[in-house]
Amino acid sequence: MEDKELQQRFHLLHQEVEAAVSLVEDVKLNCKTATDALKIEIEILRRFMERYHPDFARRYPELRAEVVQEVDPEWMDLGTPPPS
């Protein structure tokens, strides 16, 4: 292969890598934004539960252990109520 052709291929590969890095950075930022929004929602729910259900803090560890055993987050559909 000629030197000029190699340089062109290297340049194109470099552009592809830069584009991929840019996409990864965008995804990372979007994930951080979504995570921060979830943290806020969780804090709202925690405060609500502590105010209106005084025994929430005491019962939380038991409830958490139960949910960890029963719920697979990858199969959760947040738009539907949990099975009864």
PDB file of N, CA and C in Angstrom:
ATOM      1  N   MET A   1       0.835  -1.175   0.000  1.00  0.00           N
ATOM      2  CA  MET A   1       0.000   0.000   0.000  1.00  0.00           C
ATOM      3  C   MET A   1       0.882   1.242   0.000  1.00  0.00           C
ATOM      4  N   GLU A   2       0.418   2.215  -0.665  1.00  0.00           N
ATOM      5  CA  GLU A   2       1.175   3.465  -0.723  1.00  0.00           C
ATOM      6  C   GLU A   2       1.060   4.230   0.588  1.00  0.00           C
ATOM      7  N   ASP A   3       2.069   5.031   0.845  1.00  0.00           N
ATOM      8  CA  ASP A   3       2.095   5.831   2.063  1.00  0.00           C
ATOM      9  C   ASP A   3       0.892   6.769   2.133  1.00  0.00           C
ATOM     10  N   LYS A   4       0.541   7.372   1.006  1.00  0.00           N
ATOM     11  CA  LYS A   4      -0.587   8.315   0.986  1.00  0.00           C
ATOM     12  C   LYS A   4      -1.900   7.594   1.310  1.00  0.00           C
ATOM     13  N   GLU A   5      -2.068   6.398   0.773  1.00  0.00           N
ATOM     14  CA  GLU A   5      -3.288   5.622   1.040  1.00  0.00           C
ATOM     15  C   GLU A   5      -3.352   5.219   2.513  1.00  0.00           C
ATOM     16  N   LEU A   6      -2.223   4.819   3.069  1.00  0.00           N
ATOM     17  CA  LEU A   6      -2.177   4.482   4.495  1.00  0.00           C
ATOM     18  C   LEU A   6      -2.519   5.689   5.360  1.00  0.00           C
ATOM     19  N   GLN A   7      -1.991   6.839   5.003  1.00  0.00           N
ATOM     20  CA  GLN A   7      -2.292   8.055   5.756  1.00  0.00           C
ATOM     21  C   GLN A   7      -3.780   8.377   5.698  1.00  0.00           C
ATOM     22  N   GLN A   8      -4.374   8.208   4.529  1.00  0.00           N
ATOM     23  CA  GLN A   8      -5.803   8.489   4.385  1.00  0.00           C
ATOM     24  C   GLN A   8      -6.627   7.509   5.221  1.00  0.00           C
ATOM     25  N   ARG A   9      -6.264   6.231   5.175  1.00  0.00           N
ATOM     26  CA  ARG A   9      -6.989   5.235   5.966  1.00  0.00           C
ATOM     27  C   ARG A   9      -6.828   5.516   7.458  1.00  0.00           C
ATOM     28  N   PHE A  10      -5.618   5.890   7.859  1.00  0.00           N
ATOM     29  CA  PHE A  10      -5.382   6.231   9.259  1.00  0.00           C
ATOM     30  C   PHE A  10      -6.229   7.432   9.662  1.00  0.00           C
ATOM     31  N   HIS A  11      -6.291   8.432   8.797  1.00  0.00           N
ATOM     32  CA  HIS A  11      -7.087   9.629   9.080  1.00  0.00           C
ATOM     33  C   HIS A  11      -8.568   9.264   9.237  1.00  0.00           C
ATOM     34  N   LEU A  12      -9.092   8.420   8.359  1.00  0.00           N
ATOM     35  CA  LEU A  12     -10.492   7.997   8.450  1.00  0.00           C
ATOM     36  C   LEU A  12     -10.744   7.198   9.728  1.00  0.00           C
ATOM     37  N   LEU A  13      -9.816   6.321  10.060  1.00  0.00           N
ATOM     38  CA  LEU A  13      -9.943   5.547  11.291  1.00  0.00           C
ATOM     39  C   LEU A  13      -9.918   6.466  12.507  1.00  0.00           C
ATOM     40  N   HIS A  14      -9.046   7.453  12.476  1.00  0.00           N
ATOM     41  CA  HIS A  14      -8.960   8.429  13.565  1.00  0.00           C
ATOM     42  C   HIS A  14     -10.287   9.184  13.712  1.00  0.00           C
ATOM     43  N   GLN A  15     -10.906   9.569  12.612  1.00  0.00           N
ATOM     44  CA  GLN A  15     -12.196  10.263  12.656  1.00  0.00           C
ATOM     45  C   GLN A  15     -13.278   9.358  13.241  1.00  0.00           C
ATOM     46  N   GLU A  16     -13.262   8.079  12.865  1.00  0.00           N
ATOM     47  CA  GLU A  16     -14.240   7.136  13.408  1.00  0.00           C
ATOM     48  C   GLU A  16     -14.075   6.982  14.914  1.00  0.00           C
ATOM     49  N   VAL A  17     -12.838   6.902  15.365  1.00  0.00           N
ATOM     50  CA  VAL A  17     -12.576   6.781  16.802  1.00  0.00           C
ATOM     51  C   VAL A  17     -13.052   8.034  17.529  1.00  0.00           C
ATOM     52  N   GLU A  18     -12.775   9.201  16.982  1.00  0.00           N
ATOM     53  CA  GLU A  18     -13.231  10.451  17.605  1.00  0.00           C
ATOM     54  C   GLU A  18     -14.753  10.505  17.675  1.00  0.00           C
ATOM     55  N   ALA A  19     -15.432  10.054  16.621  1.00  0.00           N
ATOM     56  CA  ALA A  19     -16.896  10.037  16.618  1.00  0.00           C
ATOM     57  C   ALA A  19     -17.418   9.068  17.677  1.00  0.00           C
ATOM     58  N   ALA A  20     -16.785   7.909  17.793  1.00  0.00           N
ATOM     59  CA  ALA A  20     -17.202   6.927  18.798  1.00  0.00           C
ATOM     60  C   ALA A  20     -16.993   7.471  20.208  1.00  0.00           C
ATOM     61  N   VAL A  21     -15.875   8.125  20.438  1.00  0.00           N
ATOM     62  CA  VAL A  21     -15.596   8.718  21.751  1.00  0.00           C
ATOM     63  C   VAL A  21     -16.645   9.775  22.078  1.00  0.00           C
ATOM     64  N   SER A  22     -17.005  10.578  21.107  1.00  0.00           N
ATOM     65  CA  SER A  22     -18.018  11.609  21.315  1.00  0.00           C
ATOM     66  C   SER A  22     -19.361  10.986  21.691  1.00  0.00           C
ATOM     67  N   LEU A  23     -19.734   9.910  21.000  1.00  0.00           N
ATOM     68  CA  LEU A  23     -20.992   9.226  21.322  1.00  0.00           C
ATOM     69  C   LEU A  23     -20.960   8.631  22.726  1.00  0.00           C
ATOM     70  N   VAL A  24     -19.838   8.037  23.096  1.00  0.00           N
ATOM     71  CA  VAL A  24     -19.706   7.461  24.433  1.00  0.00           C
ATOM     72  C   VAL A  24     -19.816   8.554  25.493  1.00  0.00           C
ATOM     73  N   GLU A  25     -19.205   9.689  25.256  1.00  0.00           N
ATOM     74  CA  GLU A  25     -19.296  10.800  26.210  1.00  0.00           C
ATOM     75  C   GLU A  25     -20.733  11.292  26.335  1.00  0.00           C
ATOM     76  N   ASP A  26     -21.465  11.348  25.215  1.00  0.00           N
ATOM     77  CA  ASP A  26     -22.876  11.747  25.257  1.00  0.00           C
ATOM     78  C   ASP A  26     -23.701  10.751  26.063  1.00  0.00           C
ATOM     79  N   VAL A  27     -23.468   9.466  25.821  1.00  0.00           N
ATOM     80  CA  VAL A  27     -24.197   8.430  26.553  1.00  0.00           C
ATOM     81  C   VAL A  27     -23.880   8.512  28.042  1.00  0.00           C
ATOM     82  N   LYS A  28     -22.620   8.719  28.363  1.00  0.00           N
ATOM     83  CA  LYS A  28     -22.211   8.842  29.764  1.00  0.00           C
ATOM     84  C   LYS A  28     -22.918  10.022  30.431  1.00  0.00           C
ATOM     85  N   LEU A  29     -22.976  11.153  29.754  1.00  0.00           N
ATOM     86  CA  LEU A  29     -23.652  12.326  30.294  1.00  0.00           C
ATOM     87  C   LEU A  29     -25.146  12.063  30.466  1.00  0.00           C
ATOM     88  N   ASN A  30     -25.762  11.411  29.482  1.00  0.00           N
ATOM     89  CA  ASN A  30     -27.185  11.083  29.582  1.00  0.00           C
ATOM     90  C   ASN A  30     -27.453  10.139  30.749  1.00  0.00           C
ATOM     91  N   CYS A  31     -26.571   9.164  30.947  1.00  0.00           N
ATOM     92  CA  CYS A  31     -26.727   8.238  32.072  1.00  0.00           C
ATOM     93  C   CYS A  31     -26.590   8.970  33.405  1.00  0.00           C
ATOM     94  N   LYS A  32     -25.633   9.873  33.486  1.00  0.00           N
ATOM     95  CA  LYS A  32     -25.453  10.638  34.727  1.00  0.00           C
ATOM     96  C   LYS A  32     -26.675  11.500  35.003  1.00  0.00           C
ATOM     97  N   THR A  33     -27.211  12.128  33.974  1.00  0.00           N
ATOM     98  CA  THR A  33     -28.408  12.950  34.133  1.00  0.00           C
ATOM     99  C   THR A  33     -29.579  12.101  34.612  1.00  0.00           C
ATOM    100  N   ALA A  34     -29.765  10.937  33.999  1.00  0.00           N
ATOM    101  CA  ALA A  34     -30.856  10.046  34.396  1.00  0.00           C
ATOM    102  C   ALA A  34     -30.653   9.540  35.822  1.00  0.00           C
ATOM    103  N   THR A  35     -29.417   9.219  36.175  1.00  0.00           N
ATOM    104  CA  THR A  35     -29.119   8.754  37.528  1.00  0.00           C
ATOM    105  C   THR A  35     -29.405   9.846  38.550  1.00  0.00           C
ATOM    106  N   ASP A  36     -29.014  11.066  38.256  1.00  0.00           N
ATOM    107  CA  ASP A  36     -29.287  12.181  39.168  1.00  0.00           C
ATOM    108  C   ASP A  36     -30.784  12.393  39.341  1.00  0.00           C
ATOM    109  N   ALA A  37     -31.547  12.279  38.254  1.00  0.00           N
ATOM    110  CA  ALA A  37     -33.002  12.429  38.342  1.00  0.00           C
ATOM    111  C   ALA A  37     -33.594  11.329  39.216  1.00  0.00           C
ATOM    112  N   LEU A  38     -33.100  10.101  39.072  1.00  0.00           N
ATOM    113  CA  LEU A  38     -33.583   9.000  39.911  1.00  0.00           C
ATOM    114  C   LEU A  38     -33.230   9.221  41.377  1.00  0.00           C
ATOM    115  N   LYS A  39     -32.041   9.737  41.642  1.00  0.00           N
ATOM    116  CA  LYS A  39     -31.652  10.021  43.026  1.00  0.00           C
ATOM    117  C   LYS A  39     -32.613  11.017  43.664  1.00  0.00           C
ATOM    118  N   ILE A  40     -33.004  12.029  42.915  1.00  0.00           N
ATOM    119  CA  ILE A  40     -33.951  13.026  43.431  1.00  0.00           C
ATOM    120  C   ILE A  40     -35.299  12.376  43.706  1.00  0.00           C
ATOM    121  N   GLU A  41     -35.788  11.570  42.767  1.00  0.00           N
ATOM    122  CA  GLU A  41     -37.079  10.895  42.959  1.00  0.00           C
ATOM    123  C   GLU A  41     -37.042   9.968  44.168  1.00  0.00           C
ATOM    124  N   ILE A  42     -35.943   9.248  44.340  1.00  0.00           N
ATOM    125  CA  ILE A  42     -35.813   8.347  45.486  1.00  0.00           C
ATOM    126  C   ILE A  42     -35.807   9.131  46.788  1.00  0.00           C
ATOM    127  N   GLU A  43     -35.124  10.265  46.808  1.00  0.00           N
ATOM    128  CA  GLU A  43     -35.098  11.087  48.022  1.00  0.00           C
ATOM    129  C   GLU A  43     -36.489  11.625  48.345  1.00  0.00           C
ATOM    130  N   ILE A  44     -37.236  12.007  47.317  1.00  0.00           N
ATOM    131  CA  ILE A  44     -38.615  12.467  47.529  1.00  0.00           C
ATOM    132  C   ILE A  44     -39.442  11.357  48.158  1.00  0.00           C
ATOM    133  N   LEU A  45     -39.348  10.161  47.599  1.00  0.00           N
ATOM    134  CA  LEU A  45     -40.106   9.026  48.135  1.00  0.00           C
ATOM    135  C   LEU A  45     -39.681   8.689  49.563  1.00  0.00           C
ATOM    136  N   ARG A  46     -38.378   8.729  49.833  1.00  0.00           N
ATOM    137  CA  ARG A  46     -37.891   8.436  51.182  1.00  0.00           C
ATOM    138  C   ARG A  46     -38.458   9.429  52.196  1.00  0.00           C
ATOM    139  N   ARG A  47     -38.419  10.707  51.848  1.00  0.00           N
ATOM    140  CA  ARG A  47     -38.941  11.723  52.773  1.00  0.00           C
ATOM    141  C   ARG A  47     -40.446  11.584  52.971  1.00  0.00           C
ATOM    142  N   PHE A  48     -41.153  11.290  51.899  1.00  0.00           N
ATOM    143  CA  PHE A  48     -42.595  11.087  52.007  1.00  0.00           C
ATOM    144  C   PHE A  48     -42.887   9.922  52.953  1.00  0.00           C
ATOM    145  N   MET A  49     -42.196   8.820  52.731  1.00  0.00           N
ATOM    146  CA  MET A  49     -42.443   7.640  53.560  1.00  0.00           C
ATOM    147  C   MET A  49     -42.099   7.901  55.024  1.00  0.00           C
ATOM    148  N   GLU A  50     -41.020   8.611  55.283  1.00  0.00           N
ATOM    149  CA  GLU A  50     -40.655   8.900  56.669  1.00  0.00           C
ATOM    150  C   GLU A  50     -41.663   9.824  57.340  1.00  0.00           C
ATOM    151  N   ARG A  51     -42.259  10.745  56.576  1.00  0.00           N
ATOM    152  CA  ARG A  51     -43.233  11.677  57.157  1.00  0.00           C
ATOM    153  C   ARG A  51     -44.582  11.025  57.420  1.00  0.00           C
ATOM    154  N   TYR A  52     -45.039  10.221  56.493  1.00  0.00           N
ATOM    155  CA  TYR A  52     -46.399   9.699  56.578  1.00  0.00           C
ATOM    156  C   TYR A  52     -46.473   8.257  57.059  1.00  0.00           C
ATOM    157  N   HIS A  53     -45.336   7.615  57.192  1.00  0.00           N
ATOM    158  CA  HIS A  53     -45.266   6.261  57.740  1.00  0.00           C
ATOM    159  C   HIS A  53     -44.069   6.219  58.684  1.00  0.00           C
ATOM    160  N   PRO A  54     -44.290   6.614  59.938  1.00  0.00           N
ATOM    161  CA  PRO A  54     -43.178   6.769  60.883  1.00  0.00           C
ATOM    162  C   PRO A  54     -42.318   5.513  61.068  1.00  0.00           C
ATOM    163  N   ASP A  55     -42.888   4.334  60.869  1.00  0.00           N
ATOM    164  CA  ASP A  55     -42.100   3.116  61.059  1.00  0.00           C
ATOM    165  C   ASP A  55     -41.346   2.696  59.789  1.00  0.00           C
ATOM    166  N   PHE A  56     -41.375   3.528  58.774  1.00  0.00           N
ATOM    167  CA  PHE A  56     -40.718   3.199  57.506  1.00  0.00           C
ATOM    168  C   PHE A  56     -39.235   2.881  57.689  1.00  0.00           C
ATOM    169  N   ALA A  57     -38.512   3.731  58.406  1.00  0.00           N
ATOM    170  CA  ALA A  57     -37.065   3.530  58.580  1.00  0.00           C
ATOM    171  C   ALA A  57     -36.774   2.197  59.268  1.00  0.00           C
ATOM    172  N   ARG A  58     -37.625   1.817  60.198  1.00  0.00           N
ATOM    173  CA  ARG A  58     -37.432   0.554  60.913  1.00  0.00           C
ATOM    174  C   ARG A  58     -37.718  -0.635  60.008  1.00  0.00           C
ATOM    175  N   ARG A  59     -38.742  -0.519  59.151  1.00  0.00           N
ATOM    176  CA  ARG A  59     -39.168  -1.635  58.300  1.00  0.00           C
ATOM    177  C   ARG A  59     -38.432  -1.697  56.964  1.00  0.00           C
ATOM    178  N   TYR A  60     -37.729  -0.636  56.614  1.00  0.00           N
ATOM    179  CA  TYR A  60     -37.066  -0.575  55.309  1.00  0.00           C
ATOM    180  C   TYR A  60     -36.105  -1.737  55.039  1.00  0.00           C
ATOM    181  N   PRO A  61     -35.206  -2.084  55.961  1.00  0.00           N
ATOM    182  CA  PRO A  61     -34.266  -3.177  55.658  1.00  0.00           C
ATOM    183  C   PRO A  61     -34.969  -4.489  55.292  1.00  0.00           C
ATOM    184  N   GLU A  62     -36.035  -4.800  56.000  1.00  0.00           N
ATOM    185  CA  GLU A  62     -36.794  -6.020  55.709  1.00  0.00           C
ATOM    186  C   GLU A  62     -37.448  -5.932  54.326  1.00  0.00           C
ATOM    187  N   LEU A  63     -38.056  -4.799  54.036  1.00  0.00           N
ATOM    188  CA  LEU A  63     -38.697  -4.604  52.737  1.00  0.00           C
ATOM    189  C   LEU A  63     -37.666  -4.656  51.612  1.00  0.00           C
ATOM    190  N   ARG A  64     -36.525  -4.048  51.829  1.00  0.00           N
ATOM    191  CA  ARG A  64     -35.469  -4.055  50.810  1.00  0.00           C
ATOM    192  C   ARG A  64     -35.003  -5.477  50.522  1.00  0.00           C
ATOM    193  N   ALA A  65     -34.763  -6.253  51.568  1.00  0.00           N
ATOM    194  CA  ALA A  65     -34.324  -7.642  51.389  1.00  0.00           C
ATOM    195  C   ALA A  65     -35.362  -8.440  50.603  1.00  0.00           C
ATOM    196  N   GLU A  66     -36.629  -8.208  50.903  1.00  0.00           N
ATOM    197  CA  GLU A  66     -37.716  -8.889  50.197  1.00  0.00           C
ATOM    198  C   GLU A  66     -37.717  -8.527  48.710  1.00  0.00           C
ATOM    199  N   VAL A  67     -37.617  -7.254  48.416  1.00  0.00           N
ATOM    200  CA  VAL A  67     -37.655  -6.800  47.022  1.00  0.00           C
ATOM    201  C   VAL A  67     -36.429  -7.291  46.252  1.00  0.00           C
ATOM    202  N   VAL A  68     -35.263  -7.261  46.878  1.00  0.00           N
ATOM    203  CA  VAL A  68     -34.047  -7.736  46.212  1.00  0.00           C
ATOM    204  C   VAL A  68     -34.201  -9.201  45.804  1.00  0.00           C
ATOM    205  N   GLN A  69     -34.857  -9.993  46.650  1.00  0.00           N
ATOM    206  CA  GLN A  69     -35.061 -11.407  46.339  1.00  0.00           C
ATOM    207  C   GLN A  69     -36.122 -11.633  45.270  1.00  0.00           C
ATOM    208  N   GLU A  70     -37.139 -10.777  45.213  1.00  0.00           N
ATOM    209  CA  GLU A  70     -38.295 -11.024  44.355  1.00  0.00           C
ATOM    210  C   GLU A  70     -38.294 -10.279  43.033  1.00  0.00           C
ATOM    211  N   VAL A  71     -37.542  -9.213  42.913  1.00  0.00           N
ATOM    212  CA  VAL A  71     -37.656  -8.350  41.736  1.00  0.00           C
ATOM    213  C   VAL A  71     -36.368  -8.382  40.914  1.00  0.00           C
ATOM    214  N   ASP A  72     -36.527  -8.615  39.622  1.00  0.00           N
ATOM    215  CA  ASP A  72     -35.408  -8.525  38.679  1.00  0.00           C
ATOM    216  C   ASP A  72     -35.567  -7.197  37.953  1.00  0.00           C
ATOM    217  N   PRO A  73     -34.708  -6.209  38.227  1.00  0.00           N
ATOM    218  CA  PRO A  73     -34.895  -4.881  37.639  1.00  0.00           C
ATOM    219  C   PRO A  73     -34.861  -4.873  36.115  1.00  0.00           C
ATOM    220  N   GLU A  74     -34.201  -5.857  35.515  1.00  0.00           N
ATOM    221  CA  GLU A  74     -34.153  -5.899  34.057  1.00  0.00           C
ATOM    222  C   GLU A  74     -35.498  -6.266  33.452  1.00  0.00           C
ATOM    223  N   TRP A  75     -36.364  -6.880  34.245  1.00  0.00           N
ATOM    224  CA  TRP A  75     -37.672  -7.292  33.739  1.00  0.00           C
ATOM    225  C   TRP A  75     -38.792  -6.393  34.238  1.00  0.00           C
ATOM    226  N   MET A  76     -38.448  -5.332  34.945  1.00  0.00           N
ATOM    227  CA  MET A  76     -39.474  -4.422  35.464  1.00  0.00           C
ATOM    228  C   MET A  76     -40.014  -3.541  34.357  1.00  0.00           C
ATOM    229  N   ASP A  77     -41.311  -3.394  34.337  1.00  0.00           N
ATOM    230  CA  ASP A  77     -41.964  -2.448  33.439  1.00  0.00           C
ATOM    231  C   ASP A  77     -42.587  -1.399  34.343  1.00  0.00           C
ATOM    232  N   LEU A  78     -42.005  -0.215  34.364  1.00  0.00           N
ATOM    233  CA  LEU A  78     -42.455   0.814  35.302  1.00  0.00           C
ATOM    234  C   LEU A  78     -43.845   1.336  34.989  1.00  0.00           C
ATOM    235  N   GLY A  79     -44.373   1.016  33.819  1.00  0.00           N
ATOM    236  CA  GLY A  79     -45.697   1.503  33.455  1.00  0.00           C
ATOM    237  C   GLY A  79     -46.830   0.624  33.941  1.00  0.00           C
ATOM    238  N   THR A  80     -46.490  -0.550  34.480  1.00  0.00           N
ATOM    239  CA  THR A  80     -47.540  -1.454  34.934  1.00  0.00           C
ATOM    240  C   THR A  80     -47.389  -1.710  36.420  1.00  0.00           C
ATOM    241  N   PRO A  81     -48.507  -1.931  37.107  1.00  0.00           N
ATOM    242  CA  PRO A  81     -48.430  -2.202  38.544  1.00  0.00           C
ATOM    243  C   PRO A  81     -47.810  -3.583  38.780  1.00  0.00           C
ATOM    244  N   PRO A  82     -47.194  -3.779  39.948  1.00  0.00           N
ATOM    245  CA  PRO A  82     -46.609  -5.088  40.245  1.00  0.00           C
ATOM    246  C   PRO A  82     -47.697  -6.137  40.413  1.00  0.00           C
ATOM    247  N   PRO A  83     -47.355  -7.411  40.201  1.00  0.00           N
ATOM    248  CA  PRO A  83     -48.360  -8.459  40.379  1.00  0.00           C
ATOM    249  C   PRO A  83     -48.779  -8.544  41.837  1.00  0.00           C
ATOM    250  N   SER A  84     -50.036  -8.904  42.047  1.00  0.00           N
ATOM    251  CA  SER A  84     -50.520  -8.993  43.437  1.00  0.00           C
ATOM    252  C   SER A  84     -50.488 -10.401  43.947  1.00  0.00           C
TER     253      SER A  84
END
